[in-house]
Amino acid sequence: MQHWFLLASIALVFFGITGITQKLSTNSISFELSFVWFTGAFVAISLVIAATMPLDWRLSPALVVLAGIGGLLNGLGALTSFAALEKGGKASIVIPIINLYPLVTIAGARIFFGERLTVPQVAGIICALLAVVLLAQEPEAQSGMKIT
């Protein structure tokens, strides 16, 4: 097994469990407080990495800004995912939908880098979009009143 594939598989498990913990936390506390604790964990991991890994801190201001924007967008995405879960979204629906974010990346890669898609890749994108539509289908809530 290739090293990158093993790491990606571990990430898949971590992210899958994360969806469950996010829903459990937003069932009991506000999405804002859940996000604060989520961010605290990120800070702790970042401090461990900074203290234990050899990092090259000589970066251009443009790279710092670019990385900062990436972190900001990641944080906003996480915050809105917590909000979606707290506002009644089912974990089994919200988490798969928000994890289709690579579709946005694919569009950006096409626009900014001129990357081309193959027919099977386009078919995969269509299937992913269809999955979003199917996952978002919810039966109408049944009310106690019957109108005749």
C-alpha atoms as a PDB file:
ATOM      1  CA  MET A   1       0.000   0.000   0.000  1.00  0.00           C
ATOM      2  CA  GLN A   2       1.317   3.441  -0.880  1.00  0.00           C
ATOM      3  CA  HIS A   3       2.105   5.705   2.061  1.00  0.00           C
ATOM      4  CA  TRP A   4      -0.174   8.528   0.871  1.00  0.00           C
ATOM      5  CA  PHE A   5      -3.096   6.101   0.531  1.00  0.00           C
ATOM      6  CA  LEU A   6      -2.660   4.858   4.104  1.00  0.00           C
ATOM      7  CA  LEU A   7      -2.581   8.449   5.388  1.00  0.00           C
ATOM      8  CA  ALA A   8      -5.652   9.361   3.307  1.00  0.00           C
ATOM      9  CA  SER A   9      -7.479   6.322   4.706  1.00  0.00           C
ATOM     10  CA  ILE A  10      -6.636   7.349   8.266  1.00  0.00           C
ATOM     11  CA  ALA A  11      -7.880  10.879   7.492  1.00  0.00           C
ATOM     12  CA  LEU A  12     -11.114   9.377   6.161  1.00  0.00           C
ATOM     13  CA  VAL A  13     -11.694   7.581   9.468  1.00  0.00           C
ATOM     14  CA  PHE A  14     -10.817  10.698  11.512  1.00  0.00           C
ATOM     15  CA  PHE A  15     -13.157  12.896   9.449  1.00  0.00           C
ATOM     16  CA  GLY A  16     -15.926  10.285   9.670  1.00  0.00           C
ATOM     17  CA  ILE A  17     -15.688  10.193  13.455  1.00  0.00           C
ATOM     18  CA  THR A  18     -15.509  14.004  13.497  1.00  0.00           C
ATOM     19  CA  GLY A  19     -18.956  14.198  11.901  1.00  0.00           C
ATOM     20  CA  ILE A  20     -20.366  12.132  14.747  1.00  0.00           C
ATOM     21  CA  THR A  21     -18.641  14.167  17.471  1.00  0.00           C
ATOM     22  CA  GLN A  22     -19.773  17.429  15.870  1.00  0.00           C
ATOM     23  CA  LYS A  23     -23.397  16.303  15.857  1.00  0.00           C
ATOM     24  CA  LEU A  24     -23.173  15.003  19.434  1.00  0.00           C
ATOM     25  CA  SER A  25     -21.710  18.289  20.659  1.00  0.00           C
ATOM     26  CA  THR A  26     -24.202  20.505  18.820  1.00  0.00           C
ATOM     27  CA  ASN A  27     -27.037  18.423  20.285  1.00  0.00           C
ATOM     28  CA  SER A  28     -25.935  19.589  23.744  1.00  0.00           C
ATOM     29  CA  ILE A  29     -24.216  22.961  23.351  1.00  0.00           C
ATOM     30  CA  SER A  30     -24.348  25.834  20.868  1.00  0.00           C
ATOM     31  CA  PHE A  31     -22.559  25.541  17.560  1.00  0.00           C
ATOM     32  CA  GLU A  32     -20.486  28.573  18.570  1.00  0.00           C
ATOM     33  CA  LEU A  33     -19.212  26.901  21.748  1.00  0.00           C
ATOM     34  CA  SER A  34     -18.641  23.638  19.877  1.00  0.00           C
ATOM     35  CA  PHE A  35     -16.564  25.581  17.374  1.00  0.00           C
ATOM     36  CA  VAL A  36     -14.517  27.235  20.133  1.00  0.00           C
ATOM     37  CA  TRP A  37     -13.578  23.796  21.529  1.00  0.00           C
ATOM     38  CA  PHE A  38     -12.899  22.542  17.993  1.00  0.00           C
ATOM     39  CA  THR A  39     -10.566  25.487  17.453  1.00  0.00           C
ATOM     40  CA  GLY A  40      -8.871  24.867  20.809  1.00  0.00           C
ATOM     41  CA  ALA A  41      -8.015  21.356  19.659  1.00  0.00           C
ATOM     42  CA  PHE A  42      -6.559  22.762  16.427  1.00  0.00           C
ATOM     43  CA  VAL A  43      -4.416  25.213  18.397  1.00  0.00           C
ATOM     44  CA  ALA A  44      -3.151  22.413  20.652  1.00  0.00           C
ATOM     45  CA  ILE A  45      -2.188  20.250  17.665  1.00  0.00           C
ATOM     46  CA  SER A  46      -0.538  23.248  15.992  1.00  0.00           C
ATOM     47  CA  LEU A  47       1.546  23.970  19.094  1.00  0.00           C
ATOM     48  CA  VAL A  48       2.707  20.342  19.267  1.00  0.00           C
ATOM     49  CA  ILE A  49       3.716  20.437  15.602  1.00  0.00           C
ATOM     50  CA  ALA A  50       5.524  23.767  16.029  1.00  0.00           C
ATOM     51  CA  ALA A  51       7.391  22.434  19.068  1.00  0.00           C
ATOM     52  CA  THR A  52       8.349  19.023  17.666  1.00  0.00           C
ATOM     53  CA  MET A  53       8.767  19.352  13.899  1.00  0.00           C
ATOM     54  CA  PRO A  54      11.509  21.117  11.987  1.00  0.00           C
ATOM     55  CA  LEU A  55       9.639  23.949  10.289  1.00  0.00           C
ATOM     56  CA  ASP A  56      11.059  26.520   7.896  1.00  0.00           C
ATOM     57  CA  TRP A  57       9.571  29.818   9.093  1.00  0.00           C
ATOM     58  CA  ARG A  58      11.132  31.877   6.286  1.00  0.00           C
ATOM     59  CA  LEU A  59       8.044  32.474   4.198  1.00  0.00           C
ATOM     60  CA  SER A  60       7.132  35.279   1.889  1.00  0.00           C
ATOM     61  CA  PRO A  61       4.313  37.558   3.049  1.00  0.00           C
ATOM     62  CA  ALA A  62       2.230  36.358   0.090  1.00  0.00           C
ATOM     63  CA  LEU A  63       2.495  32.733   1.242  1.00  0.00           C
ATOM     64  CA  VAL A  64       1.567  33.699   4.802  1.00  0.00           C
ATOM     65  CA  VAL A  65      -1.498  35.563   3.516  1.00  0.00           C
ATOM     66  CA  LEU A  66      -2.456  32.651   1.247  1.00  0.00           C
ATOM     67  CA  ALA A  67      -2.128  30.132   4.096  1.00  0.00           C
ATOM     68  CA  GLY A  68      -4.066  32.484   6.375  1.00  0.00           C
ATOM     69  CA  ILE A  69      -6.896  32.776   3.852  1.00  0.00           C
ATOM     70  CA  GLY A  70      -6.969  28.976   3.596  1.00  0.00           C
ATOM     71  CA  GLY A  71      -7.229  28.705   7.375  1.00  0.00           C
ATOM     72  CA  LEU A  72      -9.908  31.381   7.512  1.00  0.00           C
ATOM     73  CA  LEU A  73     -12.019  29.640   4.869  1.00  0.00           C
ATOM     74  CA  ASN A  74     -11.518  26.269   6.563  1.00  0.00           C
ATOM     75  CA  GLY A  75     -12.638  27.779   9.866  1.00  0.00           C
ATOM     76  CA  LEU A  76     -15.705  29.389   8.318  1.00  0.00           C
ATOM     77  CA  GLY A  77     -16.586  26.086   6.639  1.00  0.00           C
ATOM     78  CA  ALA A  78     -16.264  24.256   9.946  1.00  0.00           C
ATOM     79  CA  LEU A  79     -18.324  26.912  11.738  1.00  0.00           C
ATOM     80  CA  THR A  80     -21.152  26.713   9.213  1.00  0.00           C
ATOM     81  CA  SER A  81     -21.088  22.906   9.350  1.00  0.00           C
ATOM     82  CA  PHE A  82     -21.527  23.063  13.145  1.00  0.00           C
ATOM     83  CA  ALA A  83     -24.402  25.513  12.607  1.00  0.00           C
ATOM     84  CA  ALA A  84     -26.057  23.209  10.066  1.00  0.00           C
ATOM     85  CA  LEU A  85     -25.887  20.339  12.543  1.00  0.00           C
ATOM     86  CA  GLU A  86     -27.217  22.431  15.436  1.00  0.00           C
ATOM     87  CA  LYS A  87     -30.083  23.825  13.336  1.00  0.00           C
ATOM     88  CA  GLY A  88     -31.523  20.368  12.808  1.00  0.00           C
ATOM     89  CA  GLY A  89     -29.426  18.914  10.030  1.00  0.00           C
ATOM     90  CA  LYS A  90     -28.960  15.169  10.277  1.00  0.00           C
ATOM     91  CA  ALA A  91     -25.321  14.097  10.496  1.00  0.00           C
ATOM     92  CA  SER A  92     -26.019  11.419   7.879  1.00  0.00           C
ATOM     93  CA  ILE A  93     -27.009  14.150   5.420  1.00  0.00           C
ATOM     94  CA  VAL A  94     -25.019  17.255   6.425  1.00  0.00           C
ATOM     95  CA  ILE A  95     -21.610  15.597   6.654  1.00  0.00           C
ATOM     96  CA  PRO A  96     -21.697  13.912   3.210  1.00  0.00           C
ATOM     97  CA  ILE A  97     -22.961  17.118   1.598  1.00  0.00           C
ATOM     98  CA  ILE A  98     -20.297  19.376   3.113  1.00  0.00           C
ATOM     99  CA  ASN A  99     -17.633  16.843   2.209  1.00  0.00           C
ATOM    100  CA  LEU A 100     -18.377  17.323  -1.462  1.00  0.00           C
ATOM    101  CA  TYR A 101     -16.270  20.486  -1.253  1.00  0.00           C
ATOM    102  CA  PRO A 102     -13.799  19.009  -3.789  1.00  0.00           C
ATOM    103  CA  LEU A 103     -16.370  19.925  -6.452  1.00  0.00           C
ATOM    104  CA  VAL A 104     -15.576  23.578  -5.709  1.00  0.00           C
ATOM    105  CA  THR A 105     -11.863  22.762  -5.878  1.00  0.00           C
ATOM    106  CA  ILE A 106     -12.356  21.080  -9.248  1.00  0.00           C
ATOM    107  CA  ALA A 107     -14.082  24.191 -10.605  1.00  0.00           C
ATOM    108  CA  GLY A 108     -11.249  26.359  -9.252  1.00  0.00           C
ATOM    109  CA  ALA A 109      -8.610  24.078 -10.770  1.00  0.00           C
ATOM    110  CA  ARG A 110     -10.363  24.393 -14.118  1.00  0.00           C
ATOM    111  CA  ILE A 111     -10.631  28.186 -13.893  1.00  0.00           C
ATOM    112  CA  PHE A 112      -7.257  29.060 -12.332  1.00  0.00           C
ATOM    113  CA  PHE A 113      -4.980  26.258 -13.554  1.00  0.00           C
ATOM    114  CA  GLY A 114      -6.645  25.268 -16.824  1.00  0.00           C
ATOM    115  CA  GLU A 115      -6.966  21.659 -15.713  1.00  0.00           C
ATOM    116  CA  ARG A 116      -9.068  19.488 -17.992  1.00  0.00           C
ATOM    117  CA  LEU A 117     -11.514  16.815 -16.939  1.00  0.00           C
ATOM    118  CA  THR A 118     -11.930  13.403 -18.547  1.00  0.00           C
ATOM    119  CA  VAL A 119     -15.317  11.923 -19.376  1.00  0.00           C
ATOM    120  CA  PRO A 120     -15.183   9.552 -16.360  1.00  0.00           C
ATOM    121  CA  GLN A 121     -14.323  12.489 -14.085  1.00  0.00           C
ATOM    122  CA  VAL A 122     -17.272  14.504 -15.400  1.00  0.00           C
ATOM    123  CA  ALA A 123     -19.483  11.452 -14.828  1.00  0.00           C
ATOM    124  CA  GLY A 124     -18.181  11.309 -11.242  1.00  0.00           C
ATOM    125  CA  ILE A 125     -19.042  14.971 -10.721  1.00  0.00           C
ATOM    126  CA  ILE A 126     -22.546  14.412 -12.055  1.00  0.00           C
ATOM    127  CA  CYS A 127     -22.964  11.440  -9.700  1.00  0.00           C
ATOM    128  CA  ALA A 128     -21.747  13.560  -6.759  1.00  0.00           C
ATOM    129  CA  LEU A 129     -24.235  16.317  -7.592  1.00  0.00           C
ATOM    130  CA  LEU A 130     -26.999  13.741  -7.931  1.00  0.00           C
ATOM    131  CA  ALA A 131     -25.965  12.366  -4.530  1.00  0.00           C
ATOM    132  CA  VAL A 132     -26.445  15.835  -2.996  1.00  0.00           C
ATOM    133  CA  VAL A 133     -29.940  16.077  -4.445  1.00  0.00           C
ATOM    134  CA  LEU A 134     -30.841  12.580  -3.232  1.00  0.00           C
ATOM    135  CA  LEU A 135     -29.335  13.077   0.230  1.00  0.00           C
ATOM    136  CA  ALA A 136     -31.205  16.355   0.694  1.00  0.00           C
ATOM    137  CA  GLN A 137     -34.596  14.721   0.083  1.00  0.00           C
ATOM    138  CA  GLU A 138     -36.519  14.605   3.321  1.00  0.00           C
ATOM    139  CA  PRO A 139     -40.071  13.316   3.741  1.00  0.00           C
ATOM    140  CA  GLU A 140     -42.639  15.917   4.697  1.00  0.00           C
ATOM    141  CA  ALA A 141     -43.118  16.187   8.454  1.00  0.00           C
ATOM    142  CA  GLN A 142     -46.302  14.475   9.530  1.00  0.00           C
ATOM    143  CA  SER A 143     -48.608  16.755  11.504  1.00  0.00           C
ATOM    144  CA  GLY A 144     -51.125  15.508  13.991  1.00  0.00           C
ATOM    145  CA  MET A 145     -54.001  17.233  12.174  1.00  0.00           C
ATOM    146  CA  LYS A 146     -55.761  15.733   9.228  1.00  0.00           C
ATOM    147  CA  ILE A 147     -57.441  18.096   6.795  1.00  0.00           C
ATOM    148  CA  THR A 148     -60.253  16.672   4.731  1.00  0.00           C
END
